[in-house]
Amino acid sequence: MSEALADQPVLMMEHPFTRQMIVQLRAVDSYGTYDTWSDEKVIEPLILTKERKREIPVVGDPDEIVIARLKAYYNALACAIEKQTGLMAVPVVNLTHEGFGRAFILTGKLVVLDKTLRDVHRFGFSSLEKMIEDSEKLISRAAELVEAHRDVAKL
């Protein structure tokens, strides 16, 4: 197991959102690089410990791999929202080459998630637990919006 995941509880790897993230990350791997990798190795780049974050420059442009990870994250959120609400959720990510932009998740005509993106080249979480915690909050808020405005979400 990698250094970044060494202190993570094993149960975090089995959490439904972590499993969905691994599915999404493997899905964006068009060259089959991840085929022989363990699940821990696939998700490990998303875990940015303080030491790892210090190694990333404060200013920088995101590369294709980081952008793919970001899109995989919003795809995983959309899948979880869809599973919870029973309505199709679609992620939309608009990003400049400098790593700034916005991410939306739409359910029908309803915007259920709207996040401003900054410093995407440093996208990641301090731990799997933090990723799951943040994701569950976003999914919960999105599901509440769908339930409050189900008629718009069905359009």
C-alpha atoms as a PDB file:
ATOM      1  CA  MET A   1       0.000   0.000   0.000  1.00  0.00           C
ATOM      2  CA  SER A   2       1.255   3.480  -0.790  1.00  0.00           C
ATOM      3  CA  GLU A   3       2.516   5.949   1.782  1.00  0.00           C
ATOM      4  CA  ALA A   4      -0.515   8.250   1.266  1.00  0.00           C
ATOM      5  CA  LEU A   5      -2.962   5.413   1.918  1.00  0.00           C
ATOM      6  CA  ALA A   6      -0.982   3.658   4.657  1.00  0.00           C
ATOM      7  CA  ASP A   7      -2.848   5.341   7.508  1.00  0.00           C
ATOM      8  CA  GLN A   8      -6.292   5.104   5.863  1.00  0.00           C
ATOM      9  CA  PRO A   9      -8.817   2.674   7.369  1.00  0.00           C
ATOM     10  CA  VAL A  10      -9.355  -0.350   5.137  1.00  0.00           C
ATOM     11  CA  LEU A  11     -13.119   0.222   5.354  1.00  0.00           C
ATOM     12  CA  MET A  12     -12.695   3.506   3.461  1.00  0.00           C
ATOM     13  CA  MET A  13     -11.579   1.524   0.397  1.00  0.00           C
ATOM     14  CA  GLU A  14     -14.850  -0.450   0.538  1.00  0.00           C
ATOM     15  CA  HIS A  15     -17.103   2.607   0.907  1.00  0.00           C
ATOM     16  CA  PRO A  16     -19.562   2.880  -2.037  1.00  0.00           C
ATOM     17  CA  PHE A  17     -18.258   6.302  -3.062  1.00  0.00           C
ATOM     18  CA  THR A  18     -14.639   5.125  -3.061  1.00  0.00           C
ATOM     19  CA  ARG A  19     -15.647   2.097  -5.147  1.00  0.00           C
ATOM     20  CA  GLN A  20     -17.470   4.403  -7.597  1.00  0.00           C
ATOM     21  CA  MET A  21     -14.414   6.685  -7.798  1.00  0.00           C
ATOM     22  CA  ILE A  22     -12.254   3.693  -8.703  1.00  0.00           C
ATOM     23  CA  VAL A  23     -14.766   2.671 -11.397  1.00  0.00           C
ATOM     24  CA  GLN A  24     -14.773   6.200 -12.826  1.00  0.00           C
ATOM     25  CA  LEU A  25     -10.975   6.515 -12.734  1.00  0.00           C
ATOM     26  CA  ARG A  26     -10.597   3.195 -14.525  1.00  0.00           C
ATOM     27  CA  ALA A  27     -13.203   4.306 -17.080  1.00  0.00           C
ATOM     28  CA  VAL A  28     -11.204   7.390 -18.108  1.00  0.00           C
ATOM     29  CA  ASP A  29      -8.053   5.298 -18.578  1.00  0.00           C
ATOM     30  CA  SER A  30      -8.276   4.939 -22.362  1.00  0.00           C
ATOM     31  CA  TYR A  31      -4.816   3.344 -22.705  1.00  0.00           C
ATOM     32  CA  GLY A  32      -5.364   0.560 -20.165  1.00  0.00           C
ATOM     33  CA  THR A  33      -2.617   1.778 -17.851  1.00  0.00           C
ATOM     34  CA  TYR A  34      -4.724   1.008 -14.763  1.00  0.00           C
ATOM     35  CA  ASP A  35      -5.578  -2.543 -15.875  1.00  0.00           C
ATOM     36  CA  THR A  36      -2.766  -4.081 -13.848  1.00  0.00           C
ATOM     37  CA  TRP A  37      -2.894  -1.559 -10.987  1.00  0.00           C
ATOM     38  CA  SER A  38      -4.446  -2.288  -7.602  1.00  0.00           C
ATOM     39  CA  ASP A  39      -7.427  -0.202  -6.501  1.00  0.00           C
ATOM     40  CA  GLU A  40      -5.195   1.511  -3.935  1.00  0.00           C
ATOM     41  CA  LYS A  41      -2.729   2.570  -6.632  1.00  0.00           C
ATOM     42  CA  VAL A  42      -5.550   3.885  -8.847  1.00  0.00           C
ATOM     43  CA  ILE A  43      -7.068   6.127  -6.168  1.00  0.00           C
ATOM     44  CA  GLU A  44      -3.827   7.078  -4.422  1.00  0.00           C
ATOM     45  CA  PRO A  45      -3.110  10.226  -6.539  1.00  0.00           C
ATOM     46  CA  LEU A  46      -6.311  11.792  -5.154  1.00  0.00           C
ATOM     47  CA  ILE A  47      -4.891  11.678  -1.631  1.00  0.00           C
ATOM     48  CA  LEU A  48      -2.752  14.756  -1.123  1.00  0.00           C
ATOM     49  CA  THR A  49      -1.063  14.654   2.248  1.00  0.00           C
ATOM     50  CA  LYS A  50       0.476  17.897   3.510  1.00  0.00           C
ATOM     51  CA  GLU A  51       3.869  16.720   2.266  1.00  0.00           C
ATOM     52  CA  ARG A  52       2.559  15.861  -1.196  1.00  0.00           C
ATOM     53  CA  LYS A  53       0.654  19.144  -1.459  1.00  0.00           C
ATOM     54  CA  ARG A  54       3.835  21.070  -0.581  1.00  0.00           C
ATOM     55  CA  GLU A  55       5.553  19.456  -3.586  1.00  0.00           C
ATOM     56  CA  ILE A  56       2.941  20.885  -5.994  1.00  0.00           C
ATOM     57  CA  PRO A  57       3.612  24.496  -7.002  1.00  0.00           C
ATOM     58  CA  VAL A  58       1.065  27.080  -5.835  1.00  0.00           C
ATOM     59  CA  VAL A  59       0.644  28.325  -9.408  1.00  0.00           C
ATOM     60  CA  GLY A  60       0.415  25.894 -12.291  1.00  0.00           C
ATOM     61  CA  ASP A  61      -1.670  24.561 -15.135  1.00  0.00           C
ATOM     62  CA  PRO A  62      -3.447  21.220 -14.703  1.00  0.00           C
ATOM     63  CA  ASP A  63      -2.356  18.405 -16.973  1.00  0.00           C
ATOM     64  CA  GLU A  64      -4.697  15.964 -18.726  1.00  0.00           C
ATOM     65  CA  ILE A  65      -4.393  13.370 -15.971  1.00  0.00           C
ATOM     66  CA  VAL A  66      -5.457  15.802 -13.234  1.00  0.00           C
ATOM     67  CA  ILE A  67      -8.371  17.003 -15.378  1.00  0.00           C
ATOM     68  CA  ALA A  68      -9.417  13.383 -15.946  1.00  0.00           C
ATOM     69  CA  ARG A  69      -9.363  12.807 -12.161  1.00  0.00           C
ATOM     70  CA  LEU A  70     -11.482  15.903 -11.603  1.00  0.00           C
ATOM     71  CA  LYS A  71     -14.022  14.776 -14.202  1.00  0.00           C
ATOM     72  CA  ALA A  72     -14.056  11.270 -12.702  1.00  0.00           C
ATOM     73  CA  TYR A  73     -14.896  12.821  -9.323  1.00  0.00           C
ATOM     74  CA  TYR A  74     -17.877  14.732 -10.707  1.00  0.00           C
ATOM     75  CA  ASN A  75     -18.982  11.647 -12.663  1.00  0.00           C
ATOM     76  CA  ALA A  76     -18.909   9.661  -9.410  1.00  0.00           C
ATOM     77  CA  LEU A  77     -20.936  12.367  -7.660  1.00  0.00           C
ATOM     78  CA  ALA A  78     -23.487  12.327 -10.491  1.00  0.00           C
ATOM     79  CA  CYS A  79     -23.764   8.523 -10.284  1.00  0.00           C
ATOM     80  CA  ALA A  80     -24.367   8.693  -6.532  1.00  0.00           C
ATOM     81  CA  ILE A  81     -26.993  11.436  -6.947  1.00  0.00           C
ATOM     82  CA  GLU A  82     -28.705   9.414  -9.655  1.00  0.00           C
ATOM     83  CA  LYS A  83     -28.706   6.299  -7.484  1.00  0.00           C
ATOM     84  CA  GLN A  84     -30.161   8.207  -4.524  1.00  0.00           C
ATOM     85  CA  THR A  85     -32.838  10.140  -6.433  1.00  0.00           C
ATOM     86  CA  GLY A  86     -33.732   7.754  -9.242  1.00  0.00           C
ATOM     87  CA  LEU A  87     -33.310  10.564 -11.798  1.00  0.00           C
ATOM     88  CA  MET A  88     -30.490  10.926 -14.288  1.00  0.00           C
ATOM     89  CA  ALA A  89     -27.760  13.340 -13.160  1.00  0.00           C
ATOM     90  CA  VAL A  90     -25.300  14.828 -15.650  1.00  0.00           C
ATOM     91  CA  PRO A  91     -21.983  16.472 -14.729  1.00  0.00           C
ATOM     92  CA  VAL A  92     -20.775  19.503 -16.701  1.00  0.00           C
ATOM     93  CA  VAL A  93     -17.221  20.754 -16.124  1.00  0.00           C
ATOM     94  CA  ASN A  94     -16.062  24.021 -17.703  1.00  0.00           C
ATOM     95  CA  LEU A  95     -12.375  24.666 -17.128  1.00  0.00           C
ATOM     96  CA  THR A  96      -9.776  27.107 -18.443  1.00  0.00           C
ATOM     97  CA  HIS A  97      -6.262  25.928 -19.288  1.00  0.00           C
ATOM     98  CA  GLU A  98      -5.123  27.660 -16.089  1.00  0.00           C
ATOM     99  CA  GLY A  99      -7.279  25.437 -13.871  1.00  0.00           C
ATOM    100  CA  PHE A 100     -10.161  27.760 -13.066  1.00  0.00           C
ATOM    101  CA  GLY A 101     -13.810  27.201 -13.889  1.00  0.00           C
ATOM    102  CA  ARG A 102     -17.040  25.668 -12.671  1.00  0.00           C
ATOM    103  CA  ALA A 103     -18.579  22.276 -12.256  1.00  0.00           C
ATOM    104  CA  PHE A 104     -22.314  21.661 -12.372  1.00  0.00           C
ATOM    105  CA  ILE A 105     -24.438  18.600 -11.944  1.00  0.00           C
ATOM    106  CA  LEU A 106     -27.834  18.815 -13.596  1.00  0.00           C
ATOM    107  CA  THR A 107     -30.863  16.660 -12.978  1.00  0.00           C
ATOM    108  CA  GLY A 108     -33.406  17.474 -15.648  1.00  0.00           C
ATOM    109  CA  LYS A 109     -33.522  21.286 -15.775  1.00  0.00           C
ATOM    110  CA  LEU A 110     -32.440  21.577 -12.127  1.00  0.00           C
ATOM    111  CA  VAL A 111     -28.890  22.535 -11.136  1.00  0.00           C
ATOM    112  CA  VAL A 112     -28.314  20.328  -8.086  1.00  0.00           C
ATOM    113  CA  LEU A 113     -24.611  21.126  -7.658  1.00  0.00           C
ATOM    114  CA  ASP A 114     -22.617  24.223  -8.599  1.00  0.00           C
ATOM    115  CA  LYS A 115     -18.960  24.407  -7.565  1.00  0.00           C
ATOM    116  CA  THR A 116     -16.385  27.037  -8.427  1.00  0.00           C
ATOM    117  CA  LEU A 117     -13.090  25.423  -9.365  1.00  0.00           C
ATOM    118  CA  ARG A 118      -9.750  26.991  -8.508  1.00  0.00           C
ATOM    119  CA  ASP A 119      -6.205  25.651  -8.602  1.00  0.00           C
ATOM    120  CA  VAL A 120      -7.318  22.414 -10.227  1.00  0.00           C
ATOM    121  CA  HIS A 121      -3.683  21.339 -10.593  1.00  0.00           C
ATOM    122  CA  ARG A 122      -3.826  20.743  -6.804  1.00  0.00           C
ATOM    123  CA  PHE A 123      -7.111  18.773  -6.879  1.00  0.00           C
ATOM    124  CA  GLY A 124      -7.280  16.111  -4.213  1.00  0.00           C
ATOM    125  CA  PHE A 125      -8.246  15.335  -0.643  1.00  0.00           C
ATOM    126  CA  SER A 126      -6.253  15.064   2.569  1.00  0.00           C
ATOM    127  CA  SER A 127      -7.593  11.517   3.105  1.00  0.00           C
ATOM    128  CA  LEU A 128     -10.120   9.026   1.780  1.00  0.00           C
ATOM    129  CA  GLU A 129     -12.256   9.839   4.789  1.00  0.00           C
ATOM    130  CA  LYS A 130     -12.256  13.538   3.848  1.00  0.00           C
ATOM    131  CA  MET A 131     -13.160  12.686   0.232  1.00  0.00           C
ATOM    132  CA  ILE A 132     -16.082  10.560   1.395  1.00  0.00           C
ATOM    133  CA  GLU A 133     -17.226  13.144   3.956  1.00  0.00           C
ATOM    134  CA  ASP A 134     -17.149  16.025   1.425  1.00  0.00           C
ATOM    135  CA  SER A 135     -18.840  13.909  -1.234  1.00  0.00           C
ATOM    136  CA  GLU A 136     -21.621  12.751   1.059  1.00  0.00           C
ATOM    137  CA  LYS A 137     -22.410  16.372   1.960  1.00  0.00           C
ATOM    138  CA  LEU A 138     -22.639  17.333  -1.719  1.00  0.00           C
ATOM    139  CA  ILE A 139     -24.734  14.268  -2.585  1.00  0.00           C
ATOM    140  CA  SER A 140     -27.080  14.895   0.350  1.00  0.00           C
ATOM    141  CA  ARG A 141     -27.602  18.557  -0.600  1.00  0.00           C
ATOM    142  CA  ALA A 142     -28.213  17.601  -4.219  1.00  0.00           C
ATOM    143  CA  ALA A 143     -30.759  14.936  -3.236  1.00  0.00           C
ATOM    144  CA  GLU A 144     -32.557  17.472  -1.008  1.00  0.00           C
ATOM    145  CA  LEU A 145     -32.783  19.884  -3.953  1.00  0.00           C
ATOM    146  CA  VAL A 146     -34.169  17.153  -6.190  1.00  0.00           C
ATOM    147  CA  GLU A 147     -36.807  16.240  -3.631  1.00  0.00           C
ATOM    148  CA  ALA A 148     -37.761  19.896  -3.078  1.00  0.00           C
ATOM    149  CA  HIS A 149     -38.038  20.570  -6.825  1.00  0.00           C
ATOM    150  CA  ARG A 150     -38.783  17.142  -8.262  1.00  0.00           C
ATOM    151  CA  ASP A 151     -41.061  18.588 -10.946  1.00  0.00           C
ATOM    152  CA  VAL A 152     -38.156  20.627 -12.375  1.00  0.00           C
ATOM    153  CA  ALA A 153     -35.746  17.706 -11.973  1.00  0.00           C
ATOM    154  CA  LYS A 154     -38.046  15.533 -14.093  1.00  0.00           C
ATOM    155  CA  LEU A 155     -38.093  17.950 -17.049  1.00  0.00           C
END
